[in-house]
PDB file of N, CA and C in Angstrom:
ATOM      1  N   MET A   1      22.933  -1.095 -22.941  1.00  0.00           N
ATOM      2  CA  MET A   1      22.309  -0.402 -23.691  1.00  0.00           C
ATOM      3  C   MET A   1      20.877  -0.607 -23.741  1.00  0.00           C
ATOM      4  N   ILE A   2      20.428  -2.057 -23.673  1.00  0.00           N
ATOM      5  CA  ILE A   2      19.012  -2.366 -23.538  1.00  0.00           C
ATOM      6  C   ILE A   2      18.530  -1.919 -22.283  1.00  0.00           C
ATOM      7  N   LYS A   3      19.158  -1.950 -21.173  1.00  0.00           N
ATOM      8  CA  LYS A   3      18.455  -1.466 -19.820  1.00  0.00           C
ATOM      9  C   LYS A   3      18.221   0.016 -20.013  1.00  0.00           C
ATOM     10  N   GLU A   4      19.182   0.639 -20.638  1.00  0.00           N
ATOM     11  CA  GLU A   4      19.124   2.178 -20.819  1.00  0.00           C
ATOM     12  C   GLU A   4      17.922   2.482 -21.704  1.00  0.00           C
ATOM     13  N   ARG A   5      17.548   1.665 -22.684  1.00  0.00           N
ATOM     14  CA  ARG A   5      16.515   1.961 -23.688  1.00  0.00           C
ATOM     15  C   ARG A   5      15.319   1.689 -22.844  1.00  0.00           C
ATOM     16  N   ARG A   6      15.242   0.582 -22.131  1.00  0.00           N
ATOM     17  CA  ARG A   6      13.957   0.147 -21.326  1.00  0.00           C
ATOM     18  C   ARG A   6      13.608   1.378 -20.376  1.00  0.00           C
ATOM     19  N   ARG A   7      14.856   1.987 -19.781  1.00  0.00           N
ATOM     20  CA  ARG A   7      14.585   2.668 -18.857  1.00  0.00           C
ATOM     21  C   ARG A   7      13.765   3.968 -19.352  1.00  0.00           C
ATOM     22  N   GLU A   8      14.332   4.297 -20.393  1.00  0.00           N
ATOM     23  CA  GLU A   8      13.780   5.764 -21.349  1.00  0.00           C
ATOM     24  C   GLU A   8      12.381   5.330 -21.569  1.00  0.00           C
ATOM     25  N   GLY A   9      12.143   4.181 -22.334  1.00  0.00           N
ATOM     26  CA  GLY A   9      10.668   3.749 -22.562  1.00  0.00           C
ATOM     27  C   GLY A   9       9.820   3.796 -21.295  1.00  0.00           C
ATOM     28  N   ILE A  10      10.211   3.434 -20.152  1.00  0.00           N
ATOM     29  CA  ILE A  10       9.341   3.533 -19.026  1.00  0.00           C
ATOM     30  C   ILE A  10       9.083   4.762 -18.583  1.00  0.00           C
ATOM     31  N   GLN A  11       9.966   5.792 -18.522  1.00  0.00           N
ATOM     32  CA  GLN A  11       9.767   7.199 -18.216  1.00  0.00           C
ATOM     33  C   GLN A  11       8.780   7.685 -19.407  1.00  0.00           C
ATOM     34  N   ILE A  12       8.915   7.375 -20.468  1.00  0.00           N
ATOM     35  CA  ILE A  12       7.893   8.030 -21.619  1.00  0.00           C
ATOM     36  C   ILE A  12       6.645   7.647 -21.234  1.00  0.00           C
ATOM     37  N   ALA A  13       6.358   6.288 -20.843  1.00  0.00           N
ATOM     38  CA  ALA A  13       5.263   5.785 -20.702  1.00  0.00           C
ATOM     39  C   ALA A  13       4.660   6.315 -19.307  1.00  0.00           C
ATOM     40  N   LYS A  14       5.330   6.668 -18.324  1.00  0.00           N
ATOM     41  CA  LYS A  14       4.972   7.096 -17.153  1.00  0.00           C
ATOM     42  C   LYS A  14       4.401   8.567 -17.561  1.00  0.00           C
ATOM     43  N   ARG A  15       5.045   9.285 -17.991  1.00  0.00           N
ATOM     44  CA  ARG A  15       4.509  10.710 -18.551  1.00  0.00           C
ATOM     45  C   ARG A  15       3.123  10.682 -19.003  1.00  0.00           C
ATOM     46  N   LYS A  16       3.064   9.633 -20.033  1.00  0.00           N
ATOM     47  CA  LYS A  16       1.791   9.682 -20.781  1.00  0.00           C
ATOM     48  C   LYS A  16       0.577   8.910 -19.926  1.00  0.00           C
ATOM     49  N   GLY A  17       1.239   8.598 -18.554  1.00  0.00           N
ATOM     50  CA  GLY A  17       0.053   8.085 -17.668  1.00  0.00           C
ATOM     51  C   GLY A  17      -0.339   6.508 -17.988  1.00  0.00           C
ATOM     52  N   ARG A  18       0.769   5.826 -18.720  1.00  0.00           N
ATOM     53  CA  ARG A  18       0.289   4.593 -18.992  1.00  0.00           C
ATOM     54  C   ARG A  18       1.095   3.336 -18.382  1.00  0.00           C
ATOM     55  N   TYR A  19       2.013   3.946 -17.517  1.00  0.00           N
ATOM     56  CA  TYR A  19       2.719   3.039 -16.782  1.00  0.00           C
ATOM     57  C   TYR A  19       2.775   3.467 -15.331  1.00  0.00           C
ATOM     58  N   LYS A  20       1.753   2.723 -14.547  1.00  0.00           N
ATOM     59  CA  LYS A  20       1.497   3.079 -13.221  1.00  0.00           C
ATOM     60  C   LYS A  20       1.898   2.012 -12.024  1.00  0.00           C
ATOM     61  N   GLY A  21       2.346   0.954 -12.452  1.00  0.00           N
ATOM     62  CA  GLY A  21       2.895  -0.252 -11.303  1.00  0.00           C
ATOM     63  C   GLY A  21       1.600  -0.785 -10.817  1.00  0.00           C
ATOM     64  N   LYS A  22       1.692  -1.692 -10.082  1.00  0.00           N
ATOM     65  CA  LYS A  22       0.703  -2.523  -9.173  1.00  0.00           C
ATOM     66  C   LYS A  22      -0.082  -1.581  -8.308  1.00  0.00           C
ATOM     67  N   GLN A  23      -1.492  -1.802  -8.474  1.00  0.00           N
ATOM     68  CA  GLN A  23      -2.235  -0.891  -7.552  1.00  0.00           C
ATOM     69  C   GLN A  23      -2.276  -1.618  -6.082  1.00  0.00           C
ATOM     70  N   ARG A  24      -2.541  -0.834  -5.123  1.00  0.00           N
ATOM     71  CA  ARG A  24      -2.730  -1.265  -3.702  1.00  0.00           C
ATOM     72  C   ARG A  24      -3.778  -1.993  -3.528  1.00  0.00           C
ATOM     73  N   GLN A  25      -3.869  -2.940  -2.669  1.00  0.00           N
ATOM     74  CA  GLN A  25      -4.734  -3.520  -2.108  1.00  0.00           C
ATOM     75  C   GLN A  25      -5.630  -3.155  -0.990  1.00  0.00           C
ATOM     76  N   TYR A  26      -4.822  -2.589   0.044  1.00  0.00           N
ATOM     77  CA  TYR A  26      -5.488  -2.376   1.046  1.00  0.00           C
ATOM     78  C   TYR A  26      -5.360  -0.773   1.465  1.00  0.00           C
ATOM     79  N   HIS A  27      -6.675  -0.074   1.035  1.00  0.00           N
ATOM     80  CA  HIS A  27      -6.773   1.348   1.013  1.00  0.00           C
ATOM     81  C   HIS A  27      -8.068   2.028   1.526  1.00  0.00           C
ATOM     82  N   LYS A  28      -8.211   3.019   1.896  1.00  0.00           N
ATOM     83  CA  LYS A  28      -9.585   3.192   2.250  1.00  0.00           C
ATOM     84  C   LYS A  28     -10.582   3.330   1.530  1.00  0.00           C
ATOM     85  N   ASP A  29     -10.425   3.193  -0.099  1.00  0.00           N
ATOM     86  CA  ASP A  29     -11.657   3.206  -0.868  1.00  0.00           C
ATOM     87  C   ASP A  29     -11.744   1.828  -1.281  1.00  0.00           C
ATOM     88  N   ALA A  30     -11.096   0.869  -0.661  1.00  0.00           N
ATOM     89  CA  ALA A  30     -11.094  -0.601  -0.930  1.00  0.00           C
ATOM     90  C   ALA A  30     -12.495  -1.199  -0.794  1.00  0.00           C
ATOM     91  N   THR A  31     -12.640  -2.396  -1.414  1.00  0.00           N
ATOM     92  CA  THR A  31     -14.029  -3.181  -1.260  1.00  0.00           C
ATOM     93  C   THR A  31     -13.834  -4.456  -0.844  1.00  0.00           C
ATOM     94  N   GLY A  32     -14.866  -5.250  -0.309  1.00  0.00           N
ATOM     95  CA  GLY A  32     -14.912  -6.458   0.114  1.00  0.00           C
ATOM     96  C   GLY A  32     -13.831  -6.820   1.382  1.00  0.00           C
ATOM     97  N   LYS A  33     -13.209  -7.894   1.060  1.00  0.00           N
ATOM     98  CA  LYS A  33     -12.395  -8.623   2.129  1.00  0.00           C
ATOM     99  C   LYS A  33     -11.277  -7.557   2.298  1.00  0.00           C
ATOM    100  N   ASN A  34     -10.834  -6.801   1.323  1.00  0.00           N
ATOM    101  CA  ASN A  34      -9.580  -5.808   1.464  1.00  0.00           C
ATOM    102  C   ASN A  34      -9.987  -4.802   2.353  1.00  0.00           C
ATOM    103  N   LYS A  35     -11.296  -4.219   2.184  1.00  0.00           N
ATOM    104  CA  LYS A  35     -11.847  -2.928   3.080  1.00  0.00           C
ATOM    105  C   LYS A  35     -11.749  -3.596   4.398  1.00  0.00           C
ATOM    106  N   ILE A  36     -12.289  -4.735   4.841  1.00  0.00           N
ATOM    107  CA  ILE A  36     -12.565  -5.472   6.218  1.00  0.00           C
ATOM    108  C   ILE A  36     -11.086  -5.319   6.924  1.00  0.00           C
ATOM    109  N   ILE A  37     -10.071  -5.965   6.140  1.00  0.00           N
ATOM    110  CA  ILE A  37      -8.879  -6.088   6.726  1.00  0.00           C
ATOM    111  C   ILE A  37      -8.182  -4.263   6.701  1.00  0.00           C
ATOM    112  N   TYR A  38      -8.332  -3.578   6.030  1.00  0.00           N
ATOM    113  CA  TYR A  38      -7.844  -2.270   5.982  1.00  0.00           C
ATOM    114  C   TYR A  38      -8.448  -1.691   7.451  1.00  0.00           C
ATOM    115  N   ASP A  39      -9.781  -1.858   7.331  1.00  0.00           N
ATOM    116  CA  ASP A  39     -10.498  -1.288   8.686  1.00  0.00           C
ATOM    117  C   ASP A  39     -10.100  -1.887   9.774  1.00  0.00           C
ATOM    118  N   GLU A  40      -9.861  -3.217  10.121  1.00  0.00           N
ATOM    119  CA  GLU A  40      -9.377  -3.710  11.108  1.00  0.00           C
ATOM    120  C   GLU A  40      -7.703  -3.310  11.440  1.00  0.00           C
ATOM    121  N   ILE A  41      -7.039  -2.934  10.372  1.00  0.00           N
ATOM    122  CA  ILE A  41      -5.818  -2.534  10.660  1.00  0.00           C
ATOM    123  C   ILE A  41      -5.727  -1.139  11.214  1.00  0.00           C
ATOM    124  N   VAL A  42      -6.386  -0.219  10.613  1.00  0.00           N
ATOM    125  CA  VAL A  42      -6.610   1.253  11.043  1.00  0.00           C
ATOM    126  C   VAL A  42      -7.226   0.986  12.720  1.00  0.00           C
ATOM    127  N   ARG A  43      -8.347   0.192  12.877  1.00  0.00           N
ATOM    128  CA  ARG A  43      -8.633   0.286  14.250  1.00  0.00           C
ATOM    129  C   ARG A  43      -7.493  -0.277  15.241  1.00  0.00           C
ATOM    130  N   LEU A  44      -6.739  -1.405  14.983  1.00  0.00           N
ATOM    131  CA  LEU A  44      -5.606  -1.628  15.753  1.00  0.00           C
ATOM    132  C   LEU A  44      -4.613  -0.535  15.963  1.00  0.00           C
ATOM    133  N   LEU A  45      -4.400   0.125  14.881  1.00  0.00           N
ATOM    134  CA  LEU A  45      -3.144   1.249  14.989  1.00  0.00           C
ATOM    135  C   LEU A  45      -3.688   2.219  15.799  1.00  0.00           C
ATOM    136  N   ASN A  46      -5.188   2.664  15.836  1.00  0.00           N
ATOM    137  CA  ASN A  46      -5.657   3.752  16.625  1.00  0.00           C
ATOM    138  C   ASN A  46      -5.796   3.149  17.895  1.00  0.00           C
ATOM    139  N   ALA A  47      -5.858   2.006  18.332  1.00  0.00           N
ATOM    140  CA  ALA A  47      -6.012   1.292  19.747  1.00  0.00           C
ATOM    141  C   ALA A  47      -4.262   1.225  20.339  1.00  0.00           C
ATOM    142  N   GLY A  48      -3.449   1.363  19.555  1.00  0.00           N
ATOM    143  CA  GLY A  48      -2.056   1.453  19.769  1.00  0.00           C
ATOM    144  C   GLY A  48      -1.479   0.080  19.950  1.00  0.00           C
ATOM    145  N   VAL A  49      -2.042  -0.832  19.062  1.00  0.00           N
ATOM    146  CA  VAL A  49      -1.540  -2.496  19.154  1.00  0.00           C
ATOM    147  C   VAL A  49      -0.443  -2.286  18.411  1.00  0.00           C
ATOM    148  N   LYS A  50       0.894  -3.097  18.788  1.00  0.00           N
ATOM    149  CA  LYS A  50       2.176  -3.035  18.134  1.00  0.00           C
ATOM    150  C   LYS A  50       1.901  -3.524  16.687  1.00  0.00           C
ATOM    151  N   LYS A  51       2.752  -3.067  15.795  1.00  0.00           N
ATOM    152  CA  LYS A  51       2.542  -3.728  14.325  1.00  0.00           C
ATOM    153  C   LYS A  51       2.843  -5.062  14.216  1.00  0.00           C
ATOM    154  N   VAL A  52       3.958  -5.586  15.159  1.00  0.00           N
ATOM    155  CA  VAL A  52       4.085  -7.054  14.879  1.00  0.00           C
ATOM    156  C   VAL A  52       3.043  -7.820  15.272  1.00  0.00           C
ATOM    157  N   GLU A  53       2.198  -7.348  16.352  1.00  0.00           N
ATOM    158  CA  GLU A  53       0.938  -8.040  16.777  1.00  0.00           C
ATOM    159  C   GLU A  53      -0.162  -7.982  15.712  1.00  0.00           C
ATOM    160  N   ILE A  54      -0.134  -6.808  15.118  1.00  0.00           N
ATOM    161  CA  ILE A  54      -1.130  -6.483  13.882  1.00  0.00           C
ATOM    162  C   ILE A  54      -0.913  -7.636  12.652  1.00  0.00           C
ATOM    163  N   ALA A  55       0.507  -7.604  12.274  1.00  0.00           N
ATOM    164  CA  ALA A  55       1.127  -8.337  11.414  1.00  0.00           C
ATOM    165  C   ALA A  55       0.485  -9.819  11.526  1.00  0.00           C
ATOM    166  N   ARG A  56       0.738 -10.246  12.739  1.00  0.00           N
ATOM    167  CA  ARG A  56       0.290 -11.625  13.148  1.00  0.00           C
ATOM    168  C   ARG A  56      -1.101 -11.940  13.108  1.00  0.00           C
ATOM    169  N   ARG A  57      -2.041 -11.059  13.601  1.00  0.00           N
ATOM    170  CA  ARG A  57      -3.240 -11.092  13.486  1.00  0.00           C
ATOM    171  C   ARG A  57      -3.992 -11.146  11.861  1.00  0.00           C
ATOM    172  N   THR A  58      -3.393 -10.257  11.179  1.00  0.00           N
ATOM    173  CA  THR A  58      -3.900  -9.957   9.892  1.00  0.00           C
ATOM    174  C   THR A  58      -3.295 -10.859   8.844  1.00  0.00           C
ATOM    175  N   GLY A  59      -2.144 -11.221   9.146  1.00  0.00           N
ATOM    176  CA  GLY A  59      -1.082 -12.070   8.182  1.00  0.00           C
ATOM    177  C   GLY A  59      -0.568 -11.414   6.965  1.00  0.00           C
ATOM    178  N   LEU A  60      -0.586  -9.931   7.086  1.00  0.00           N
ATOM    179  CA  LEU A  60       0.145  -8.900   6.252  1.00  0.00           C
ATOM    180  C   LEU A  60       1.663  -8.664   6.910  1.00  0.00           C
ATOM    181  N   SER A  61       2.449  -8.045   6.051  1.00  0.00           N
ATOM    182  CA  SER A  61       3.563  -7.900   6.346  1.00  0.00           C
ATOM    183  C   SER A  61       3.822  -6.640   6.964  1.00  0.00           C
ATOM    184  N   ARG A  62       4.580  -6.375   7.818  1.00  0.00           N
ATOM    185  CA  ARG A  62       4.842  -5.013   8.551  1.00  0.00           C
ATOM    186  C   ARG A  62       5.229  -3.942   7.578  1.00  0.00           C
ATOM    187  N   PRO A  63       5.803  -3.944   6.322  1.00  0.00           N
ATOM    188  CA  PRO A  63       6.033  -2.931   5.463  1.00  0.00           C
ATOM    189  C   PRO A  63       4.553  -2.420   4.839  1.00  0.00           C
ATOM    190  N   THR A  64       3.502  -3.289   4.916  1.00  0.00           N
ATOM    191  CA  THR A  64       2.343  -2.890   4.307  1.00  0.00           C
ATOM    192  C   THR A  64       1.574  -2.280   5.472  1.00  0.00           C
ATOM    193  N   ILE A  65       1.708  -2.541   6.629  1.00  0.00           N
ATOM    194  CA  ILE A  65       1.333  -2.042   7.844  1.00  0.00           C
ATOM    195  C   ILE A  65       1.722  -0.663   7.898  1.00  0.00           C
ATOM    196  N   ASN A  66       3.068  -0.578   7.738  1.00  0.00           N
ATOM    197  CA  ASN A  66       3.734   0.805   7.821  1.00  0.00           C
ATOM    198  C   ASN A  66       3.160   1.788   6.854  1.00  0.00           C
ATOM    199  N   LYS A  67       2.639   1.313   5.509  1.00  0.00           N
ATOM    200  CA  LYS A  67       2.313   1.832   4.398  1.00  0.00           C
ATOM    201  C   LYS A  67       1.073   2.588   4.707  1.00  0.00           C
ATOM    202  N   ILE A  68       0.070   1.708   5.522  1.00  0.00           N
ATOM    203  CA  ILE A  68      -1.312   2.011   5.988  1.00  0.00           C
ATOM    204  C   ILE A  68      -1.072   3.082   6.996  1.00  0.00           C
ATOM    205  N   GLU A  69       0.021   3.020   7.860  1.00  0.00           N
ATOM    206  CA  GLU A  69       0.037   4.046   8.862  1.00  0.00           C
ATOM    207  C   GLU A  69       0.299   5.205   8.378  1.00  0.00           C
ATOM    208  N   LYS A  70       1.385   5.227   7.680  1.00  0.00           N
ATOM    209  CA  LYS A  70       2.045   6.474   6.622  1.00  0.00           C
ATOM    210  C   LYS A  70       0.732   7.359   6.056  1.00  0.00           C
ATOM    211  N   GLU A  71      -0.261   6.632   5.365  1.00  0.00           N
ATOM    212  CA  GLU A  71      -1.165   7.025   4.821  1.00  0.00           C
ATOM    213  C   GLU A  71      -2.088   7.776   5.809  1.00  0.00           C
ATOM    214  N   LEU A  72      -2.297   7.139   7.097  1.00  0.00           N
ATOM    215  CA  LEU A  72      -3.406   7.602   8.106  1.00  0.00           C
ATOM    216  C   LEU A  72      -2.580   9.073   8.592  1.00  0.00           C
ATOM    217  N   ASP A  73      -1.152   8.927   8.638  1.00  0.00           N
ATOM    218  CA  ASP A  73      -0.543  10.034   9.160  1.00  0.00           C
ATOM    219  C   ASP A  73      -0.852  11.531   8.374  1.00  0.00           C
ATOM    220  N   LYS A  74      -0.734  11.028   6.826  1.00  0.00           N
ATOM    221  CA  LYS A  74      -0.916  12.229   5.914  1.00  0.00           C
ATOM    222  C   LYS A  74      -2.246  12.644   5.709  1.00  0.00           C
ATOM    223  N   GLY A  75      -3.266  12.088   6.221  1.00  0.00           N
ATOM    224  CA  GLY A  75      -4.434  12.214   6.209  1.00  0.00           C
ATOM    225  C   GLY A  75      -5.223  11.903   4.741  1.00  0.00           C
ATOM    226  N   LEU A  76      -4.735  10.986   4.179  1.00  0.00           N
ATOM    227  CA  LEU A  76      -5.216  10.641   2.664  1.00  0.00           C
ATOM    228  C   LEU A  76      -6.400   9.763   2.960  1.00  0.00           C
TER     229      LEU A  76
END
């Protein structure tokens, strides 16, 4: 019952725009160090470097790199 009420409360908050979750760190509009890392990932992806190697060089996880790649493919 508690889980159900919590789930309903989260849905209501999302509709009102108050529940958005954690913000992404690495994106095209990032600033500072995060922007530098994002630009490096984009450069390496465009150069055809494997994602495993990009993860080693940047210290980020492969799922994060996959999200950036997906964002690039969509043209966001």
